[in-house]
Amino acid sequence: MARILVVDDEQSMREFLEILLRKQGHRVETCADAPAARAALGAAEYDLVLTDLKIPGGSGIDVLAACKERRPDTEVVVLTAFGTAETAVEAMKQGAYDYLTKPFKVEEIKITVRKALEKAALAQENRELRRKLEAAEAAGAEGEILGRSPAMREVFRVADRVAPTGVTVLVHGESGTGKELVARRLHALSGRGGPFVAVNCSAIPEGLIESELFGHVKGSFTGAVSDKPGLFEEAAGGTLFLDEVGELPLPLQPKLLRALQEGRVKRVGGNREIGVDVRIVSATNKDLRREVEVGRFREDLYYRLNVVAVEIPPLRERREDVPPLAHHFLKKYARAFGRSVKGFTREVLELCEAYDFPGNVRELENLVERAVALETGEYLTRASLPPHLGNPNGPACAPHPTLPETGTDLEAVLAALERAYLAEALRRTGGNKTEAAKLLGITFRSFRYRLERLGMEGE
C-alpha cells in the first residue's frame, strides 16, 4: 500500500483517480490547486504524486519542483489535456517519472502508477540499506575493513543484496581472510533485532558441542547442574555464525540439519522441542564438496548451508588491498599504543605488496601491529618488519621457485616446508600449540593433525 497525492482542479478527475487507486489498495489524498498541494507536501511524505499540468495558483511543474525539493525520491507523474513535446520535455527535465495525456486509458494509468511505485520502493530500499550500512560502520559492526578491490566489492555486493532476505549463507575463504567480518556485515544489514552469536566449531570438544549448540537440561550428564540454553536459543531473533563448520563431528550433523529445516531444537536430555527464529551464516576454509565426497560431511547439510555462497579471495589475489589495509591497521595500533607513527616508507609498502601473505589479512594486521610496537620514528621502516618480510629474496617471498631440470619430489619439499613452519611457530610461542596454530592461521585441531602426520607430536 502506497500513499498517493492527486492534484487536479477537475472534481470528476480527482474522484475518478481516488476511487481507482483506492481499489488498488492505496491511501489517496486529493488537492484542487497548487497552494493546497504545496501545503500537503510540507505536512506529509508521499510515495507518488499525480498532478495535472494546468491548476489554479501555479502549475504541475511547480508541484513537481516542490515535491523534489522536499523529498527527491518521491515519483511524480504529470497529467494534462494539452500535451505538447515542449511541456513533456520540461516535465522530464524537472524529474517527472512520466507524462500522460488526457484522456488516458484505465490500464495505462494503472501500469504507470505500478511502475512508478516500484521505482520509488527501490529507491527507499537502497536508502535504507545505505542507512543501515552507515550505522553498522559507525558502531564498528564490521570490526575492520576487508578491502576495496573489485574482488571485495563483488563480495560486498552479494552480501549486501542477500543480507535482508534471511537466506542461509556459506562464507568460504582461507584462514585470515575475514569470514567473520562478512558474517557480521550480513547481520548488521539484515534488519534482525536479535544478537550476533559466533561459535568456532573447531574449538569446542566433540563431546560438548551438542550441548553448546542446543543446550541441556539439569542432570542430562555429569556436571549439568542446571538447565542451560544453547547458542541457538541465545541467538533468537538474530544471527548464529558457525565458524569452521567443516569441523563439525559427523554424528552431530543430522541434528543441525533438522534444526535448520524445522526451526526447532531439543536440549540434550530434554523431551520438549523449542522453536527458534535464527538466521544461520556459516564459514569454512575447507572444500566442503570434497568433504562430502569422502564422507566427512553430509551432502544434505551442505546444500542446506550453501543456499548462497560468498567466496572471499586470499590477499595475494588482491594485492591492491594491501596498502589501504596496512594504513588502516597502522592508524588503529598507533592510536592504541600512543605512538606518533604516520605512515610507511616506500620500501616497506613495496615489500608488503610483493609478499604473498599466507595468513592473509590476519597476518598483515599482526605484521603492522608488531612494526608499530617496535618503530621509534614517524614512519615504519624495513628494520621494523619481520626478517622473512625484510628479505625479499627469502623463501617466504619467492613467488617463482626454481624447479631442477631433473624434477623434484614435491611432496617431500612441501613436507619439509610445512615442518619448518610448524617448528618455527612452536619456537616463537614457547611450545604453546594453541598460540602456534593462531600464528599460522589454522585451527588447533588442524595444527595437532599436522604435527601427528609429520611425526612431530613430542616437539
Protein backbone atom coordinates (compact mmCIF):
# COMPACT_ATOMS: atom_id res chain seq x y z
CA MET A 1 0.00 0.00 0.00
CA ALA A 2 1.38 3.40 -1.02
CA ARG A 3 0.48 6.94 -0.05
CA ILE A 4 -0.51 8.92 -3.15
CA LEU A 5 -1.37 12.61 -3.64
CA VAL A 6 -3.66 13.55 -6.55
CA VAL A 7 -3.66 17.20 -7.67
CA ASP A 8 -6.30 18.24 -10.23
CA ASP A 9 -8.76 21.13 -10.46
CA GLU A 10 -11.46 18.92 -12.01
CA GLN A 11 -13.53 17.29 -9.26
CA SER A 12 -14.59 14.43 -11.52
CA MET A 13 -10.94 13.59 -12.32
CA ARG A 14 -9.97 13.72 -8.63
CA GLU A 15 -12.84 11.41 -7.70
CA PHE A 16 -12.10 9.03 -10.58
CA LEU A 17 -8.41 8.68 -9.66
CA GLU A 18 -9.17 8.41 -5.94
CA ILE A 19 -11.65 5.54 -6.50
CA LEU A 20 -9.33 3.79 -8.96
CA LEU A 21 -6.28 3.99 -6.72
CA ARG A 22 -8.14 3.06 -3.54
CA LYS A 23 -9.35 -0.10 -5.27
CA GLN A 24 -5.66 -0.91 -5.85
CA GLY A 25 -5.15 -0.76 -2.07
CA HIS A 26 -3.50 2.68 -1.84
CA ARG A 27 -4.10 5.58 0.54
CA VAL A 28 -5.15 8.57 -1.54
CA GLU A 29 -5.38 12.30 -0.74
CA THR A 30 -6.53 14.98 -3.18
CA CYS A 31 -5.95 18.70 -3.78
CA ALA A 32 -7.56 21.13 -6.23
CA ASP A 33 -4.79 23.74 -6.63
CA ALA A 34 -1.06 24.36 -6.31
CA PRO A 35 -1.06 26.10 -2.87
CA ALA A 36 -3.00 23.20 -1.32
CA ALA A 37 -0.60 20.72 -2.94
CA ARG A 38 2.45 22.55 -1.54
CA ALA A 39 0.85 22.56 1.91
CA ALA A 40 0.14 18.83 1.68
CA LEU A 41 3.72 18.10 0.59
CA GLY A 42 5.01 20.10 3.52
CA ALA A 43 2.86 18.23 6.01
CA ALA A 44 3.34 14.62 4.88
CA GLU A 45 5.51 12.29 2.80
CA TYR A 46 4.09 10.64 -0.31
CA ASP A 47 5.30 7.73 -2.38
CA LEU A 48 3.74 9.12 -5.57
CA VAL A 49 2.20 12.39 -6.77
CA LEU A 50 -0.18 12.59 -9.74
CA THR A 51 -0.59 16.22 -10.79
CA ASP A 52 -2.43 17.97 -13.60
CA LEU A 53 -0.24 20.40 -15.54
CA LYS A 54 -2.71 23.34 -15.51
CA ILE A 55 -4.04 24.03 -11.99
CA PRO A 56 -5.06 27.20 -10.13
CA GLY A 57 -2.32 29.04 -8.20
CA GLY A 58 0.53 27.62 -10.25
CA SER A 59 1.24 24.62 -12.43
CA GLY A 60 2.02 20.94 -12.26
CA ILE A 61 5.68 21.85 -12.84
CA ASP A 62 5.56 23.97 -9.66
CA VAL A 63 4.14 20.99 -7.73
CA LEU A 64 6.85 18.76 -9.24
CA ALA A 65 9.59 21.18 -8.15
CA ALA A 66 8.18 21.49 -4.63
CA CYS A 67 7.95 17.71 -4.34
CA LYS A 68 11.53 17.12 -5.49
CA GLU A 69 12.81 19.83 -3.15
CA ARG A 70 11.21 18.24 -0.10
CA ARG A 71 11.61 14.53 -0.95
CA PRO A 72 13.67 13.77 -4.08
CA ASP A 73 12.80 10.06 -4.08
CA THR A 74 9.03 10.68 -4.45
CA GLU A 75 7.95 9.92 -8.01
CA VAL A 76 5.75 12.40 -9.88
CA VAL A 77 3.51 11.72 -12.89
CA VAL A 78 2.28 14.81 -14.79
CA LEU A 79 -1.19 14.70 -16.40
CA THR A 80 -2.56 17.13 -18.94
CA ALA A 81 -5.19 17.56 -21.64
CA PHE A 82 -2.90 19.93 -23.51
CA GLY A 83 0.13 17.78 -24.22
CA THR A 84 2.98 19.16 -26.26
CA ALA A 85 6.52 17.94 -26.80
CA GLU A 86 7.89 21.02 -25.04
CA THR A 87 5.90 20.53 -21.83
CA ALA A 88 6.73 16.81 -21.79
CA VAL A 89 10.44 17.54 -22.12
CA GLU A 90 10.27 20.20 -19.39
CA ALA A 91 8.46 17.84 -17.01
CA MET A 92 11.01 15.07 -17.55
CA LYS A 93 13.91 17.52 -17.14
CA GLN A 94 12.47 18.59 -13.79
CA GLY A 95 12.45 14.96 -12.64
CA ALA A 96 8.98 13.67 -13.50
CA TYR A 97 8.71 9.89 -13.76
CA ASP A 98 6.27 10.07 -16.68
CA TYR A 99 3.94 12.34 -18.60
CA LEU A 100 0.41 11.21 -19.60
CA THR A 101 -2.01 12.96 -21.89
CA LYS A 102 -5.72 13.01 -21.09
CA PRO A 103 -7.89 11.16 -21.79
CA PHE A 104 -5.89 8.12 -20.78
CA LYS A 105 -6.99 4.51 -20.52
CA VAL A 106 -7.55 2.92 -17.13
CA GLU A 107 -4.92 0.24 -17.79
CA GLU A 108 -2.44 2.91 -18.87
CA ILE A 109 -2.70 4.77 -15.56
CA LYS A 110 -2.59 1.51 -13.60
CA ILE A 111 0.63 0.42 -15.31
CA THR A 112 2.24 3.83 -14.92
CA VAL A 113 1.37 4.01 -11.22
CA ARG A 114 2.67 0.48 -10.60
CA LYS A 115 5.98 1.13 -12.32
CA ALA A 116 6.43 4.49 -10.61
CA LEU A 117 5.82 2.93 -7.20
CA GLU A 118 8.24 0.09 -7.95
CA LYS A 119 10.93 2.66 -8.70
CA ALA A 120 10.09 4.59 -5.52
CA ALA A 121 10.24 1.39 -3.46
CA LEU A 122 13.63 0.52 -4.90
CA ALA A 123 14.95 3.98 -4.04
CA GLN A 124 13.60 3.62 -0.50
CA GLU A 125 15.20 0.17 -0.16
CA ASN A 126 18.58 1.49 -1.31
CA ARG A 127 18.33 4.46 1.05
CA GLU A 128 17.52 2.15 3.97
CA LEU A 129 20.40 -0.14 3.03
CA ARG A 130 22.82 2.79 3.00
CA ARG A 131 21.50 3.95 6.36
CA LYS A 132 21.96 0.52 7.91
CA LEU A 133 25.45 0.18 6.47
CA GLU A 134 26.47 3.59 7.79
CA ALA A 135 25.07 2.69 11.19
CA ALA A 136 26.89 -0.64 11.14
CA GLU A 137 30.18 1.02 10.27
CA ALA A 138 29.71 3.72 12.89
CA ALA A 139 29.02 1.07 15.53
CA GLY A 140 32.03 -0.98 14.46
CA ALA A 141 29.83 -3.88 13.36
CA GLU A 142 32.27 -4.76 10.59
CA GLY A 143 35.18 -4.82 13.05
CA GLU A 144 37.75 -3.98 10.38
CA ILE A 145 37.76 -3.12 6.72
CA LEU A 146 38.31 -6.04 4.38
CA GLY A 147 39.44 -4.16 1.29
CA ARG A 148 38.25 -2.04 -1.60
CA SER A 149 39.44 -4.06 -4.60
CA PRO A 150 36.98 -5.09 -7.35
CA ALA A 151 37.03 -8.63 -5.93
CA MET A 152 35.99 -7.41 -2.48
CA ARG A 153 33.40 -5.03 -3.90
CA GLU A 154 31.80 -8.06 -5.53
CA VAL A 155 31.81 -9.86 -2.15
CA PHE A 156 30.07 -6.85 -0.58
CA ARG A 157 27.60 -6.61 -3.47
CA VAL A 158 26.44 -10.20 -2.99
CA ALA A 159 26.44 -9.97 0.81
CA ASP A 160 24.54 -6.68 0.90
CA ARG A 161 21.95 -7.95 -1.56
CA VAL A 162 21.10 -11.10 0.41
CA ALA A 163 21.50 -9.63 3.90
CA PRO A 164 17.86 -8.52 4.33
CA THR A 165 16.43 -11.79 2.97
CA GLY A 166 17.33 -14.09 5.85
CA VAL A 167 18.66 -16.72 3.45
CA THR A 168 21.31 -19.14 4.75
CA VAL A 169 24.81 -18.10 3.64
CA LEU A 170 28.06 -20.09 3.46
CA VAL A 171 31.21 -17.93 3.50
CA HIS A 172 34.29 -19.66 2.11
CA GLY A 173 37.87 -18.46 2.25
CA GLU A 174 41.31 -19.21 3.57
CA SER A 175 42.13 -18.60 7.22
CA GLY A 176 42.60 -14.94 7.99
CA THR A 177 40.61 -13.55 5.05
CA GLY A 178 37.86 -12.06 7.25
CA LYS A 179 34.99 -14.53 7.05
CA GLU A 180 33.55 -13.45 10.39
CA LEU A 181 33.62 -9.81 9.31
CA VAL A 182 31.46 -10.69 6.31
CA ALA A 183 29.10 -12.58 8.62
CA ARG A 184 28.86 -9.54 10.89
CA ARG A 185 28.12 -7.36 7.88
CA LEU A 186 25.31 -9.73 6.86
CA HIS A 187 23.85 -9.46 10.36
CA ALA A 188 24.23 -5.68 10.56
CA LEU A 189 22.31 -5.22 7.30
CA SER A 190 19.73 -7.94 7.99
CA GLY A 191 17.35 -5.78 10.00
CA ARG A 192 17.13 -8.52 12.62
CA GLY A 193 16.90 -7.14 16.15
CA GLY A 194 18.46 -10.13 17.92
CA PRO A 195 22.14 -10.64 18.73
CA PHE A 196 25.03 -11.85 16.61
CA VAL A 197 26.34 -15.05 18.22
CA ALA A 198 29.56 -16.61 16.91
CA VAL A 199 30.84 -20.11 17.65
CA ASN A 200 34.07 -21.72 16.44
CA CYS A 201 33.08 -25.32 15.76
CA SER A 202 36.70 -26.48 15.84
CA ALA A 203 37.41 -25.01 19.29
CA ILE A 204 34.73 -26.94 21.22
CA PRO A 205 35.47 -30.52 22.32
CA GLU A 206 33.44 -33.05 20.38
CA GLY A 207 31.63 -34.25 23.49
CA LEU A 208 30.38 -30.76 24.37
CA ILE A 209 29.44 -29.19 21.06
CA GLU A 210 25.88 -30.59 21.00
CA SER A 211 25.23 -29.07 24.41
CA GLU A 212 26.77 -25.77 23.33
CA LEU A 213 24.57 -25.52 20.25
CA PHE A 214 21.28 -26.90 21.56
CA GLY A 215 21.61 -26.57 25.35
CA HIS A 216 20.95 -29.22 28.01
CA VAL A 217 18.65 -29.96 30.93
CA LYS A 218 19.67 -30.49 34.52
CA GLY A 219 21.09 -33.95 35.18
CA SER A 220 21.49 -34.87 31.49
CA PHE A 221 25.20 -35.59 32.08
CA THR A 222 27.81 -35.23 34.78
CA GLY A 223 28.26 -31.56 35.55
CA ALA A 224 24.86 -30.49 34.21
CA VAL A 225 23.74 -28.94 37.50
CA SER A 226 21.05 -26.75 35.93
CA ASP A 227 19.18 -26.19 32.70
CA LYS A 228 21.25 -24.30 30.13
CA PRO A 229 20.02 -22.76 26.86
CA GLY A 230 22.15 -23.40 23.78
CA LEU A 231 23.55 -20.94 21.27
CA PHE A 232 20.52 -21.40 19.01
CA GLU A 233 18.32 -20.03 21.78
CA GLU A 234 20.78 -17.27 22.65
CA ALA A 235 20.77 -16.10 19.02
CA ALA A 236 16.95 -15.99 18.81
CA GLY A 237 15.83 -13.17 16.57
CA GLY A 238 19.39 -12.66 15.37
CA THR A 239 22.22 -14.47 13.60
CA LEU A 240 24.14 -17.60 14.59
CA PHE A 241 27.57 -17.72 12.96
CA LEU A 242 29.01 -21.24 12.67
CA ASP A 243 32.72 -20.71 12.00
CA GLU A 244 34.79 -23.68 10.79
CA VAL A 245 31.54 -25.56 10.14
CA GLY A 246 33.52 -28.21 8.26
CA GLU A 247 34.92 -29.38 11.61
CA LEU A 248 31.51 -30.44 12.97
CA PRO A 249 31.52 -34.10 14.07
CA LEU A 250 29.60 -36.30 11.64
CA PRO A 251 27.14 -37.64 14.29
CA LEU A 252 26.03 -34.09 15.12
CA GLN A 253 25.34 -33.05 11.54
CA PRO A 254 21.84 -34.65 11.23
CA LYS A 255 20.74 -32.78 14.36
CA LEU A 256 21.97 -29.49 12.94
CA LEU A 257 20.19 -30.24 9.66
CA ARG A 258 16.92 -30.88 11.49
CA ALA A 259 17.28 -27.66 13.46
CA LEU A 260 17.78 -25.72 10.22
CA GLN A 261 14.86 -27.37 8.45
CA GLU A 262 12.36 -27.35 11.30
CA GLY A 263 13.41 -24.19 13.15
CA ARG A 264 13.24 -26.19 16.37
CA VAL A 265 15.86 -27.58 18.77
CA LYS A 266 15.81 -30.10 21.57
CA ARG A 267 18.14 -29.68 24.53
CA VAL A 268 20.41 -32.59 25.45
CA GLY A 269 18.47 -34.82 27.83
CA GLY A 270 15.21 -32.97 27.20
CA ASN A 271 11.94 -34.12 25.64
CA ARG A 272 10.47 -30.76 24.60
CA GLU A 273 11.27 -29.09 21.28
CA ILE A 274 11.87 -25.34 21.38
CA GLY A 275 11.10 -23.09 18.43
CA VAL A 276 13.93 -20.76 17.42
CA ASP A 277 13.97 -17.92 14.90
CA VAL A 278 17.64 -17.82 13.88
CA ARG A 279 19.43 -16.77 10.69
CA ILE A 280 22.38 -19.11 10.01
CA VAL A 281 25.64 -17.93 8.48
CA SER A 282 28.45 -20.47 8.35
CA ALA A 283 32.07 -20.32 7.24
CA THR A 284 34.82 -22.73 6.31
CA ASN A 285 38.28 -22.84 4.78
CA LYS A 286 37.70 -26.41 3.64
CA ASP A 287 36.39 -27.65 0.31
CA LEU A 288 33.07 -28.97 1.60
CA ARG A 289 32.28 -30.61 -1.74
CA ARG A 290 35.41 -32.70 -1.29
CA GLU A 291 34.44 -33.40 2.33
CA VAL A 292 31.07 -34.68 1.08
CA GLU A 293 32.75 -36.92 -1.49
CA VAL A 294 35.00 -38.58 1.12
CA GLY A 295 32.14 -39.00 3.59
CA ARG A 296 33.19 -36.46 6.23
CA PHE A 297 30.28 -34.08 5.65
CA ARG A 298 26.62 -34.77 4.91
CA GLU A 299 25.51 -33.82 1.42
CA ASP A 300 22.04 -32.69 2.53
CA LEU A 301 23.52 -30.43 5.22
CA TYR A 302 25.99 -28.98 2.73
CA TYR A 303 23.19 -27.95 0.37
CA ARG A 304 21.15 -26.56 3.27
CA LEU A 305 24.05 -24.37 4.40
CA ASN A 306 25.15 -23.40 0.90
CA VAL A 307 21.97 -21.68 -0.30
CA VAL A 308 24.05 -18.59 -1.11
CA ALA A 309 27.83 -18.89 -1.33
CA VAL A 310 30.18 -15.97 -0.68
CA GLU A 311 33.79 -16.56 -1.69
CA ILE A 312 36.46 -14.31 -0.14
CA PRO A 313 39.63 -14.28 -2.25
CA PRO A 314 43.01 -14.53 -0.49
CA LEU A 315 45.03 -11.36 -0.07
CA ARG A 316 47.65 -12.49 -2.62
CA GLU A 317 44.95 -12.35 -5.30
CA ARG A 318 44.00 -8.75 -4.48
CA ARG A 319 47.30 -7.06 -3.72
CA GLU A 320 45.77 -3.63 -4.33
CA ASP A 321 44.05 -4.08 -0.96
CA VAL A 322 47.36 -4.30 0.91
CA PRO A 323 48.12 -0.52 1.12
CA PRO A 324 44.66 0.59 2.39
CA LEU A 325 44.51 -2.31 4.85
CA ALA A 326 48.05 -1.59 6.06
CA HIS A 327 47.23 2.10 6.61
CA HIS A 328 44.02 1.15 8.43
CA PHE A 329 45.90 -1.13 10.83
CA LEU A 330 48.67 1.45 11.30
CA LYS A 331 46.15 4.05 12.46
CA LYS A 332 44.48 1.51 14.72
CA TYR A 333 47.65 0.44 16.53
CA ALA A 334 49.31 3.85 16.56
CA ARG A 335 46.25 5.08 18.45
CA ALA A 336 46.17 2.00 20.70
CA PHE A 337 49.89 2.22 21.57
CA GLY A 338 50.03 6.01 21.79
CA ARG A 339 52.62 6.18 19.01
CA SER A 340 53.13 9.03 16.54
CA VAL A 341 53.74 6.75 13.53
CA LYS A 342 52.32 8.46 10.45
CA GLY A 343 52.91 6.01 7.63
CA PHE A 344 55.19 3.64 5.73
CA THR A 345 58.34 4.17 3.77
CA ARG A 346 58.02 3.36 0.08
CA GLU A 347 60.33 0.37 0.55
CA VAL A 348 58.10 -1.13 3.25
CA LEU A 349 54.96 -0.81 1.14
CA GLU A 350 56.71 -2.38 -1.85
CA LEU A 351 57.86 -5.31 0.31
CA CYS A 352 54.33 -5.78 1.66
CA GLU A 353 52.78 -5.68 -1.80
CA ALA A 354 55.32 -8.24 -3.06
CA TYR A 355 54.68 -10.66 -0.19
CA ASP A 356 52.10 -13.45 -0.56
CA PHE A 357 50.68 -13.24 3.00
CA PRO A 358 49.79 -16.91 3.54
CA GLY A 359 47.99 -15.79 6.71
CA ASN A 360 46.02 -13.20 4.68
CA VAL A 361 44.55 -10.11 6.36
CA ARG A 362 45.17 -11.51 9.83
CA GLU A 363 48.88 -11.88 9.09
CA LEU A 364 49.04 -8.34 7.67
CA GLU A 365 47.40 -6.98 10.82
CA ASN A 366 49.83 -8.88 13.06
CA LEU A 367 52.74 -7.60 10.97
CA VAL A 368 51.64 -3.96 11.26
CA GLU A 369 50.91 -4.34 14.98
CA ARG A 370 54.43 -5.68 15.55
CA ALA A 371 56.01 -2.95 13.42
CA VAL A 372 54.15 -0.14 15.21
CA ALA A 373 55.17 -1.58 18.58
CA LEU A 374 58.85 -1.66 17.54
CA GLU A 375 59.09 1.55 15.50
CA THR A 376 60.59 4.64 17.17
CA GLY A 377 60.31 7.07 14.25
CA GLU A 378 57.42 8.63 12.35
CA TYR A 379 57.43 6.08 9.53
CA LEU A 380 57.58 2.30 9.56
CA THR A 381 60.91 1.17 8.16
CA ARG A 382 62.34 -2.13 6.99
CA ALA A 383 64.01 -2.59 10.37
CA SER A 384 60.56 -2.93 11.98
CA LEU A 385 59.50 -5.76 9.69
CA PRO A 386 59.84 -9.48 10.47
CA PRO A 387 63.05 -10.93 8.99
CA HIS A 388 61.29 -13.02 6.35
CA LEU A 389 59.49 -9.94 5.01
CA GLY A 390 62.56 -7.74 5.14
CA ASN A 391 64.41 -10.21 2.92
CA PRO A 392 62.51 -10.22 -0.39
CA ASN A 393 64.78 -12.96 -1.69
CA GLY A 394 63.96 -15.28 1.20
CA PRO A 395 61.91 -18.44 0.73
CA ALA A 396 58.73 -16.97 2.18
CA CYS A 397 58.65 -14.30 -0.52
CA ALA A 398 59.85 -16.30 -3.52
CA PRO A 399 56.91 -16.22 -5.94
CA HIS A 400 58.68 -18.30 -8.60
CA PRO A 401 60.75 -21.14 -7.11
CA THR A 402 63.35 -22.79 -9.33
CA LEU A 403 62.50 -26.31 -10.45
CA PRO A 404 65.57 -28.54 -11.06
CA GLU A 405 65.97 -29.86 -14.60
CA THR A 406 65.70 -33.40 -13.27
CA GLY A 407 62.49 -32.61 -11.41
CA THR A 408 61.80 -32.88 -7.70
CA ASP A 409 59.78 -34.73 -5.08
CA LEU A 410 57.05 -32.14 -4.49
CA GLU A 411 55.54 -33.96 -1.52
CA ALA A 412 58.93 -34.08 0.20
CA VAL A 413 59.57 -30.39 -0.49
CA LEU A 414 56.15 -29.37 0.83
CA ALA A 415 56.53 -31.60 3.88
CA ALA A 416 59.90 -30.05 4.67
CA LEU A 417 58.48 -26.55 4.31
CA GLU A 418 55.47 -27.41 6.47
CA ARG A 419 57.72 -28.97 9.11
CA ALA A 420 59.89 -25.83 9.17
CA TYR A 421 56.88 -23.54 9.66
CA LEU A 422 55.41 -25.74 12.41
CA ALA A 423 58.74 -25.86 14.24
CA GLU A 424 59.26 -22.10 13.93
CA ALA A 425 55.73 -21.39 15.21
CA LEU A 426 56.34 -23.62 18.23
CA ARG A 427 59.69 -21.94 18.86
CA ARG A 428 58.18 -18.45 18.79
CA THR A 429 55.33 -19.39 21.13
CA GLY A 430 57.47 -21.35 23.57
CA GLY A 431 55.76 -24.62 22.65
CA ASN A 432 52.21 -23.29 23.10
CA LYS A 433 50.33 -25.18 20.39
CA THR A 434 47.18 -23.07 20.59
CA GLU A 435 49.12 -19.87 20.00
CA ALA A 436 51.27 -21.54 17.35
CA ALA A 437 48.12 -22.54 15.45
CA LYS A 438 46.89 -18.93 15.58
CA LEU A 439 50.25 -17.72 14.32
CA LEU A 440 49.88 -19.96 11.27
CA GLY A 441 46.24 -19.05 10.70
CA ILE A 442 44.92 -22.60 11.20
CA THR A 443 42.75 -24.28 13.81
CA PHE A 444 44.22 -26.04 16.83
CA ARG A 445 42.76 -29.32 15.57
CA SER A 446 44.43 -28.84 12.18
CA PHE A 447 47.73 -27.92 13.84
CA ARG A 448 47.64 -31.05 16.00
CA TYR A 449 46.79 -33.20 12.98
CA ARG A 450 49.75 -31.82 11.04
CA LEU A 451 52.11 -32.50 13.95
CA GLU A 452 50.91 -36.10 14.12
CA ARG A 453 51.17 -36.60 10.37
CA LEU A 454 54.75 -35.34 10.33
CA GLY A 455 55.77 -37.23 13.48
CA MET A 456 56.29 -34.06 15.49
CA GLU A 457 53.90 -34.77 18.40
CA GLY A 458 56.64 -34.56 21.02
CA GLU A 459 58.04 -31.24 19.86
